[in-house]
Amino acid sequence: MSREEFNQLPLFQKIKTLYLEGTFVVGIRYYRHKVNLYLLEDEYVEVFYNHKEDKIDKIDFLPRDHSRMKFYLDQIKID
């Protein structure tokens, strides 16, 4: 599945795709969110869960050059 196809999916379908086809890597706390990082094919995807409101605020690809990547580096291998 391409990035474009994934981005066009409704939220519930993105969640289902990550659950069935993705691999959970690690979870971190980031401001008011718990962020779960998944590997989907060869792309990293972040799920931003707002525990105070008990909802997912955003699901998005994480560019490998993003500054937030430093929070994950001890848990992932970048080729």
PDB file of N, CA and C in Angstrom:
ATOM      1  N   MET A   1       0.845  -1.174   0.000  1.00  0.00           N
ATOM      2  CA  MET A   1       0.000   0.000   0.000  1.00  0.00           C
ATOM      3  C   MET A   1       0.895   1.242   0.000  1.00  0.00           C
ATOM      4  N   SER A   2       0.579   2.177  -0.850  1.00  0.00           N
ATOM      5  CA  SER A   2       1.387   3.390  -0.943  1.00  0.00           C
ATOM      6  C   SER A   2       1.009   4.374   0.167  1.00  0.00           C
ATOM      7  N   ARG A   3       1.876   5.352   0.372  1.00  0.00           N
ATOM      8  CA  ARG A   3       1.581   6.419   1.338  1.00  0.00           C
ATOM      9  C   ARG A   3       0.270   7.113   0.998  1.00  0.00           C
ATOM     10  N   GLU A   4       0.092   7.405  -0.271  1.00  0.00           N
ATOM     11  CA  GLU A   4      -1.106   8.111  -0.718  1.00  0.00           C
ATOM     12  C   GLU A   4      -2.367   7.304  -0.415  1.00  0.00           C
ATOM     13  N   GLU A   5      -2.311   6.007  -0.687  1.00  0.00           N
ATOM     14  CA  GLU A   5      -3.463   5.146  -0.406  1.00  0.00           C
ATOM     15  C   GLU A   5      -3.749   5.109   1.092  1.00  0.00           C
ATOM     16  N   PHE A   6      -2.697   4.952   1.892  1.00  0.00           N
ATOM     17  CA  PHE A   6      -2.868   4.902   3.340  1.00  0.00           C
ATOM     18  C   PHE A   6      -3.460   6.218   3.859  1.00  0.00           C
ATOM     19  N   ASN A   7      -2.934   7.338   3.388  1.00  0.00           N
ATOM     20  CA  ASN A   7      -3.392   8.649   3.857  1.00  0.00           C
ATOM     21  C   ASN A   7      -4.845   8.920   3.507  1.00  0.00           C
ATOM     22  N   GLN A   8      -5.346   8.284   2.469  1.00  0.00           N
ATOM     23  CA  GLN A   8      -6.740   8.493   2.068  1.00  0.00           C
ATOM     24  C   GLN A   8      -7.725   7.622   2.846  1.00  0.00           C
ATOM     25  N   LEU A   9      -7.216   6.651   3.588  1.00  0.00           N
ATOM     26  CA  LEU A   9      -8.101   5.780   4.364  1.00  0.00           C
ATOM     27  C   LEU A   9      -8.740   6.550   5.515  1.00  0.00           C
ATOM     28  N   PRO A  10      -9.967   6.181   5.887  1.00  0.00           N
ATOM     29  CA  PRO A  10     -10.546   6.760   7.108  1.00  0.00           C
ATOM     30  C   PRO A  10      -9.771   6.261   8.332  1.00  0.00           C
ATOM     31  N   LEU A  11      -9.889   6.973   9.427  1.00  0.00           N
ATOM     32  CA  LEU A  11      -9.122   6.675  10.637  1.00  0.00           C
ATOM     33  C   LEU A  11      -9.251   5.211  11.061  1.00  0.00           C
ATOM     34  N   PHE A  12     -10.471   4.692  11.112  1.00  0.00           N
ATOM     35  CA  PHE A  12     -10.662   3.309  11.572  1.00  0.00           C
ATOM     36  C   PHE A  12      -9.942   2.322  10.664  1.00  0.00           C
ATOM     37  N   GLN A  13      -9.863   2.623   9.364  1.00  0.00           N
ATOM     38  CA  GLN A  13      -9.191   1.717   8.430  1.00  0.00           C
ATOM     39  C   GLN A  13      -7.671   1.811   8.581  1.00  0.00           C
ATOM     40  N   LYS A  14      -7.158   2.997   8.903  1.00  0.00           N
ATOM     41  CA  LYS A  14      -5.724   3.141   9.181  1.00  0.00           C
ATOM     42  C   LYS A  14      -5.349   2.308  10.402  1.00  0.00           C
ATOM     43  N   ILE A  15      -6.182   2.368  11.433  1.00  0.00           N
ATOM     44  CA  ILE A  15      -5.944   1.601  12.656  1.00  0.00           C
ATOM     45  C   ILE A  15      -5.943   0.103  12.342  1.00  0.00           C
ATOM     46  N   LYS A  16      -6.923  -0.331  11.585  1.00  0.00           N
ATOM     47  CA  LYS A  16      -7.022  -1.752  11.225  1.00  0.00           C
ATOM     48  C   LYS A  16      -5.803  -2.196  10.407  1.00  0.00           C
ATOM     49  N   THR A  17      -5.378  -1.361   9.472  1.00  0.00           N
ATOM     50  CA  THR A  17      -4.224  -1.682   8.635  1.00  0.00           C
ATOM     51  C   THR A  17      -2.964  -1.812   9.483  1.00  0.00           C
ATOM     52  N   LEU A  18      -2.759  -0.873  10.396  1.00  0.00           N
ATOM     53  CA  LEU A  18      -1.580  -0.954  11.266  1.00  0.00           C
ATOM     54  C   LEU A  18      -1.625  -2.190  12.146  1.00  0.00           C
ATOM     55  N   TYR A  19      -2.808  -2.522  12.660  1.00  0.00           N
ATOM     56  CA  TYR A  19      -2.956  -3.676  13.531  1.00  0.00           C
ATOM     57  C   TYR A  19      -2.679  -4.980  12.777  1.00  0.00           C
ATOM     58  N   LEU A  20      -3.182  -5.075  11.560  1.00  0.00           N
ATOM     59  CA  LEU A  20      -3.058  -6.323  10.801  1.00  0.00           C
ATOM     60  C   LEU A  20      -1.755  -6.429  10.009  1.00  0.00           C
ATOM     61  N   GLU A  21      -1.254  -5.315   9.496  1.00  0.00           N
ATOM     62  CA  GLU A  21      -0.102  -5.366   8.599  1.00  0.00           C
ATOM     63  C   GLU A  21       1.150  -4.717   9.169  1.00  0.00           C
ATOM     64  N   GLY A  22       0.994  -3.905  10.197  1.00  0.00           N
ATOM     65  CA  GLY A  22       2.135  -3.199  10.767  1.00  0.00           C
ATOM     66  C   GLY A  22       2.768  -3.966  11.913  1.00  0.00           C
ATOM     67  N   THR A  23       3.930  -3.493  12.320  1.00  0.00           N
ATOM     68  CA  THR A  23       4.635  -4.059  13.461  1.00  0.00           C
ATOM     69  C   THR A  23       4.848  -2.953  14.487  1.00  0.00           C
ATOM     70  N   PHE A  24       4.354  -3.159  15.699  1.00  0.00           N
ATOM     71  CA  PHE A  24       4.564  -2.182  16.757  1.00  0.00           C
ATOM     72  C   PHE A  24       6.045  -2.163  17.109  1.00  0.00           C
ATOM     73  N   VAL A  25       6.605  -0.952  17.214  1.00  0.00           N
ATOM     74  CA  VAL A  25       8.021  -0.810  17.518  1.00  0.00           C
ATOM     75  C   VAL A  25       8.217  -0.340  18.948  1.00  0.00           C
ATOM     76  N   VAL A  26       7.633   0.796  19.299  1.00  0.00           N
ATOM     77  CA  VAL A  26       7.836   1.365  20.626  1.00  0.00           C
ATOM     78  C   VAL A  26       6.788   2.451  20.874  1.00  0.00           C
ATOM     79  N   GLY A  27       6.544   2.733  22.128  1.00  0.00           N
ATOM     80  CA  GLY A  27       5.662   3.829  22.511  1.00  0.00           C
ATOM     81  C   GLY A  27       6.430   4.836  23.349  1.00  0.00           C
ATOM     82  N   ILE A  28       6.146   6.122  23.135  1.00  0.00           N
ATOM     83  CA  ILE A  28       6.776   7.186  23.917  1.00  0.00           C
ATOM     84  C   ILE A  28       5.704   8.155  24.393  1.00  0.00           C
ATOM     85  N   ARG A  29       6.060   8.964  25.366  1.00  0.00           N
ATOM     86  CA  ARG A  29       5.224  10.095  25.775  1.00  0.00           C
ATOM     87  C   ARG A  29       5.750  11.321  25.063  1.00  0.00           C
ATOM     88  N   TYR A  30       4.853  12.101  24.468  1.00  0.00           N
ATOM     89  CA  TYR A  30       5.248  13.297  23.739  1.00  0.00           C
ATOM     90  C   TYR A  30       4.196  14.365  23.996  1.00  0.00           C
ATOM     91  N   TYR A  31       4.543  15.305  24.873  1.00  0.00           N
ATOM     92  CA  TYR A  31       3.613  16.329  25.333  1.00  0.00           C
ATOM     93  C   TYR A  31       2.366  15.655  25.894  1.00  0.00           C
ATOM     94  N   ARG A  32       1.191  15.930  25.343  1.00  0.00           N
ATOM     95  CA  ARG A  32      -0.027  15.351  25.931  1.00  0.00           C
ATOM     96  C   ARG A  32      -0.433  14.036  25.277  1.00  0.00           C
ATOM     97  N   HIS A  33       0.439  13.467  24.469  1.00  0.00           N
ATOM     98  CA  HIS A  33       0.121  12.239  23.750  1.00  0.00           C
ATOM     99  C   HIS A  33       0.995  11.069  24.174  1.00  0.00           C
ATOM    100  N   LYS A  34       0.413   9.890  24.004  1.00  0.00           N
ATOM    101  CA  LYS A  34       1.214   8.667  23.971  1.00  0.00           C
ATOM    102  C   LYS A  34       1.339   8.371  22.486  1.00  0.00           C
ATOM    103  N   VAL A  35       2.558   8.278  22.012  1.00  0.00           N
ATOM    104  CA  VAL A  35       2.785   8.069  20.587  1.00  0.00           C
ATOM    105  C   VAL A  35       3.329   6.660  20.385  1.00  0.00           C
ATOM    106  N   ASN A  36       2.598   5.873  19.624  1.00  0.00           N
ATOM    107  CA  ASN A  36       3.042   4.528  19.280  1.00  0.00           C
ATOM    108  C   ASN A  36       3.631   4.561  17.885  1.00  0.00           C
ATOM    109  N   LEU A  37       4.801   3.973  17.754  1.00  0.00           N
ATOM    110  CA  LEU A  37       5.486   3.916  16.469  1.00  0.00           C
ATOM    111  C   LEU A  37       5.311   2.517  15.884  1.00  0.00           C
ATOM    112  N   TYR A  38       4.893   2.478  14.622  1.00  0.00           N
ATOM    113  CA  TYR A  38       4.709   1.218  13.903  1.00  0.00           C
ATOM    114  C   TYR A  38       5.574   1.226  12.656  1.00  0.00           C
ATOM    115  N   LEU A  39       5.974   0.049  12.235  1.00  0.00           N
ATOM    116  CA  LEU A  39       6.647  -0.125  10.959  1.00  0.00           C
ATOM    117  C   LEU A  39       5.634  -0.752  10.011  1.00  0.00           C
ATOM    118  N   LEU A  40       5.340  -0.043   8.933  1.00  0.00           N
ATOM    119  CA  LEU A  40       4.397  -0.521   7.921  1.00  0.00           C
ATOM    120  C   LEU A  40       5.177  -0.635   6.623  1.00  0.00           C
ATOM    121  N   GLU A  41       5.426  -1.864   6.205  1.00  0.00           N
ATOM    122  CA  GLU A  41       6.340  -2.152   5.102  1.00  0.00           C
ATOM    123  C   GLU A  41       7.694  -1.543   5.462  1.00  0.00           C
ATOM    124  N   ASP A  42       8.137  -0.505   4.773  1.00  0.00           N
ATOM    125  CA  ASP A  42       9.442   0.085   5.118  1.00  0.00           C
ATOM    126  C   ASP A  42       9.303   1.528   5.603  1.00  0.00           C
ATOM    127  N   GLU A  43       8.109   1.883   6.060  1.00  0.00           N
ATOM    128  CA  GLU A  43       7.828   3.242   6.527  1.00  0.00           C
ATOM    129  C   GLU A  43       7.437   3.223   8.001  1.00  0.00           C
ATOM    130  N   TYR A  44       7.862   4.243   8.730  1.00  0.00           N
ATOM    131  CA  TYR A  44       7.449   4.396  10.117  1.00  0.00           C
ATOM    132  C   TYR A  44       6.191   5.252  10.189  1.00  0.00           C
ATOM    133  N   VAL A  45       5.249   4.811  11.008  1.00  0.00           N
ATOM    134  CA  VAL A  45       3.970   5.503  11.175  1.00  0.00           C
ATOM    135  C   VAL A  45       3.759   5.753  12.656  1.00  0.00           C
ATOM    136  N   GLU A  46       3.385   6.987  12.999  1.00  0.00           N
ATOM    137  CA  GLU A  46       3.111   7.342  14.387  1.00  0.00           C
ATOM    138  C   GLU A  46       1.602   7.435  14.614  1.00  0.00           C
ATOM    139  N   VAL A  47       1.173   6.937  15.767  1.00  0.00           N
ATOM    140  CA  VAL A  47      -0.212   7.049  16.195  1.00  0.00           C
ATOM    141  C   VAL A  47      -0.215   7.898  17.454  1.00  0.00           C
ATOM    142  N   PHE A  48      -0.849   9.058  17.392  1.00  0.00           N
ATOM    143  CA  PHE A  48      -0.898   9.996  18.510  1.00  0.00           C
ATOM    144  C   PHE A  48      -2.191   9.785  19.288  1.00  0.00           C
ATOM    145  N   TYR A  49      -2.058   9.208  20.470  1.00  0.00           N
ATOM    146  CA  TYR A  49      -3.211   8.918  21.321  1.00  0.00           C
ATOM    147  C   TYR A  49      -3.266   9.941  22.455  1.00  0.00           C
ATOM    148  N   ASN A  50      -4.389  10.635  22.545  1.00  0.00           N
ATOM    149  CA  ASN A  50      -4.618  11.614  23.596  1.00  0.00           C
ATOM    150  C   ASN A  50      -5.349  10.898  24.729  1.00  0.00           C
ATOM    151  N   HIS A  51      -4.613  10.525  25.765  1.00  0.00           N
ATOM    152  CA  HIS A  51      -5.214   9.727  26.838  1.00  0.00           C
ATOM    153  C   HIS A  51      -6.202  10.529  27.665  1.00  0.00           C
ATOM    154  N   LYS A  52      -6.035  11.832  27.736  1.00  0.00           N
ATOM    155  CA  LYS A  52      -6.963  12.665  28.506  1.00  0.00           C
ATOM    156  C   LYS A  52      -8.348  12.688  27.859  1.00  0.00           C
ATOM    157  N   GLU A  53      -8.367  12.721  26.540  1.00  0.00           N
ATOM    158  CA  GLU A  53      -9.639  12.716  25.809  1.00  0.00           C
ATOM    159  C   GLU A  53     -10.021  11.323  25.305  1.00  0.00           C
ATOM    160  N   ASP A  54      -9.147  10.337  25.535  1.00  0.00           N
ATOM    161  CA  ASP A  54      -9.376   8.957  25.127  1.00  0.00           C
ATOM    162  C   ASP A  54      -9.707   8.848  23.637  1.00  0.00           C
ATOM    163  N   LYS A  55      -8.819   9.445  22.828  1.00  0.00           N
ATOM    164  CA  LYS A  55      -9.028   9.368  21.384  1.00  0.00           C
ATOM    165  C   LYS A  55      -7.704   9.481  20.647  1.00  0.00           C
ATOM    166  N   ILE A  56      -7.699   8.987  19.432  1.00  0.00           N
ATOM    167  CA  ILE A  56      -6.542   9.124  18.562  1.00  0.00           C
ATOM    168  C   ILE A  56      -6.683  10.446  17.831  1.00  0.00           C
ATOM    169  N   ASP A  57      -5.695  11.313  17.996  1.00  0.00           N
ATOM    170  CA  ASP A  57      -5.727  12.624  17.357  1.00  0.00           C
ATOM    171  C   ASP A  57      -5.164  12.595  15.942  1.00  0.00           C
ATOM    172  N   LYS A  58      -4.185  11.725  15.712  1.00  0.00           N
ATOM    173  CA  LYS A  58      -3.530  11.747  14.406  1.00  0.00           C
ATOM    174  C   LYS A  58      -2.787  10.446  14.164  1.00  0.00           C
ATOM    175  N   ILE A  59      -2.782  10.020  12.919  1.00  0.00           N
ATOM    176  CA  ILE A  59      -1.950   8.919  12.453  1.00  0.00           C
ATOM    177  C   ILE A  59      -1.221   9.448  11.230  1.00  0.00           C
ATOM    178  N   ASP A  60       0.108   9.404  11.279  1.00  0.00           N
ATOM    179  CA  ASP A  60       0.872   9.999  10.186  1.00  0.00           C
ATOM    180  C   ASP A  60       2.226   9.323  10.039  1.00  0.00           C
ATOM    181  N   PHE A  61       2.772   9.402   8.840  1.00  0.00           N
ATOM    182  CA  PHE A  61       4.106   8.883   8.582  1.00  0.00           C
ATOM    183  C   PHE A  61       5.138   9.768   9.268  1.00  0.00           C
ATOM    184  N   LEU A  62       6.202   9.150   9.734  1.00  0.00           N
ATOM    185  CA  LEU A  62       7.302   9.872  10.366  1.00  0.00           C
ATOM    186  C   LEU A  62       8.468   9.927   9.396  1.00  0.00           C
ATOM    187  N   PRO A  63       8.788  11.126   8.886  1.00  0.00           N
ATOM    188  CA  PRO A  63       9.968  11.234   8.016  1.00  0.00           C
ATOM    189  C   PRO A  63      11.223  10.874   8.800  1.00  0.00           C
ATOM    190  N   ARG A  64      12.126  10.181   8.154  1.00  0.00           N
ATOM    191  CA  ARG A  64      13.335   9.713   8.841  1.00  0.00           C
ATOM    192  C   ARG A  64      14.247  10.849   9.282  1.00  0.00           C
ATOM    193  N   ASP A  65      14.054  12.037   8.728  1.00  0.00           N
ATOM    194  CA  ASP A  65      14.878  13.183   9.130  1.00  0.00           C
ATOM    195  C   ASP A  65      14.163  14.113  10.119  1.00  0.00           C
ATOM    196  N   HIS A  66      13.006  13.700  10.635  1.00  0.00           N
ATOM    197  CA  HIS A  66      12.260  14.523  11.594  1.00  0.00           C
ATOM    198  C   HIS A  66      12.976  14.555  12.937  1.00  0.00           C
ATOM    199  N   SER A  67      12.907  15.682  13.610  1.00  0.00           N
ATOM    200  CA  SER A  67      13.595  15.822  14.902  1.00  0.00           C
ATOM    201  C   SER A  67      13.061  14.850  15.962  1.00  0.00           C
ATOM    202  N   ARG A  68      11.819  14.411  15.846  1.00  0.00           N
ATOM    203  CA  ARG A  68      11.252  13.477  16.826  1.00  0.00           C
ATOM    204  C   ARG A  68      11.884  12.090  16.711  1.00  0.00           C
ATOM    205  N   MET A  69      12.546  11.832  15.609  1.00  0.00           N
ATOM    206  CA  MET A  69      13.187  10.533  15.404  1.00  0.00           C
ATOM    207  C   MET A  69      14.179  10.225  16.525  1.00  0.00           C
ATOM    208  N   LYS A  70      14.790  11.255  17.117  1.00  0.00           N
ATOM    209  CA  LYS A  70      15.784  11.024  18.173  1.00  0.00           C
ATOM    210  C   LYS A  70      15.191  10.301  19.379  1.00  0.00           C
ATOM    211  N   PHE A  71      13.891  10.421  19.597  1.00  0.00           N
ATOM    212  CA  PHE A  71      13.261   9.728  20.721  1.00  0.00           C
ATOM    213  C   PHE A  71      13.178   8.220  20.494  1.00  0.00           C
ATOM    214  N   TYR A  72      13.276   7.811  19.247  1.00  0.00           N
ATOM    215  CA  TYR A  72      13.122   6.401  18.889  1.00  0.00           C
ATOM    216  C   TYR A  72      14.432   5.694  18.587  1.00  0.00           C
ATOM    217  N   LEU A  73      15.505   6.431  18.424  1.00  0.00           N
ATOM    218  CA  LEU A  73      16.731   5.858  17.871  1.00  0.00           C
ATOM    219  C   LEU A  73      17.299   4.683  18.646  1.00  0.00           C
ATOM    220  N   ASP A  74      17.063   4.630  19.937  1.00  0.00           N
ATOM    221  CA  ASP A  74      17.581   3.479  20.709  1.00  0.00           C
ATOM    222  C   ASP A  74      16.747   2.224  20.493  1.00  0.00           C
ATOM    223  N   GLN A  75      15.589   2.354  19.832  1.00  0.00           N
ATOM    224  CA  GLN A  75      14.707   1.217  19.636  1.00  0.00           C
ATOM    225  C   GLN A  75      14.609   0.748  18.187  1.00  0.00           C
ATOM    226  N   ILE A  76      15.135   1.548  17.249  1.00  0.00           N
ATOM    227  CA  ILE A  76      14.968   1.198  15.838  1.00  0.00           C
ATOM    228  C   ILE A  76      16.326   1.152  15.139  1.00  0.00           C
ATOM    229  N   LYS A  77      16.320   0.509  13.995  1.00  0.00           N
ATOM    230  CA  LYS A  77      17.516   0.439  13.158  1.00  0.00           C
ATOM    231  C   LYS A  77      17.201   1.118  11.846  1.00  0.00           C
ATOM    232  N   ILE A  78      17.988   2.132  11.518  1.00  0.00           N
ATOM    233  CA  ILE A  78      17.791   2.850  10.262  1.00  0.00           C
ATOM    234  C   ILE A  78      18.903   2.470   9.310  1.00  0.00           C
ATOM    235  N   ASP A  79      18.506   1.987   8.134  1.00  0.00           N
ATOM    236  CA  ASP A  79      19.501   1.603   7.110  1.00  0.00           C
ATOM    237  C   ASP A  79      19.757   2.759   6.178  1.00  0.00           C
TER     238      ASP A  79
END
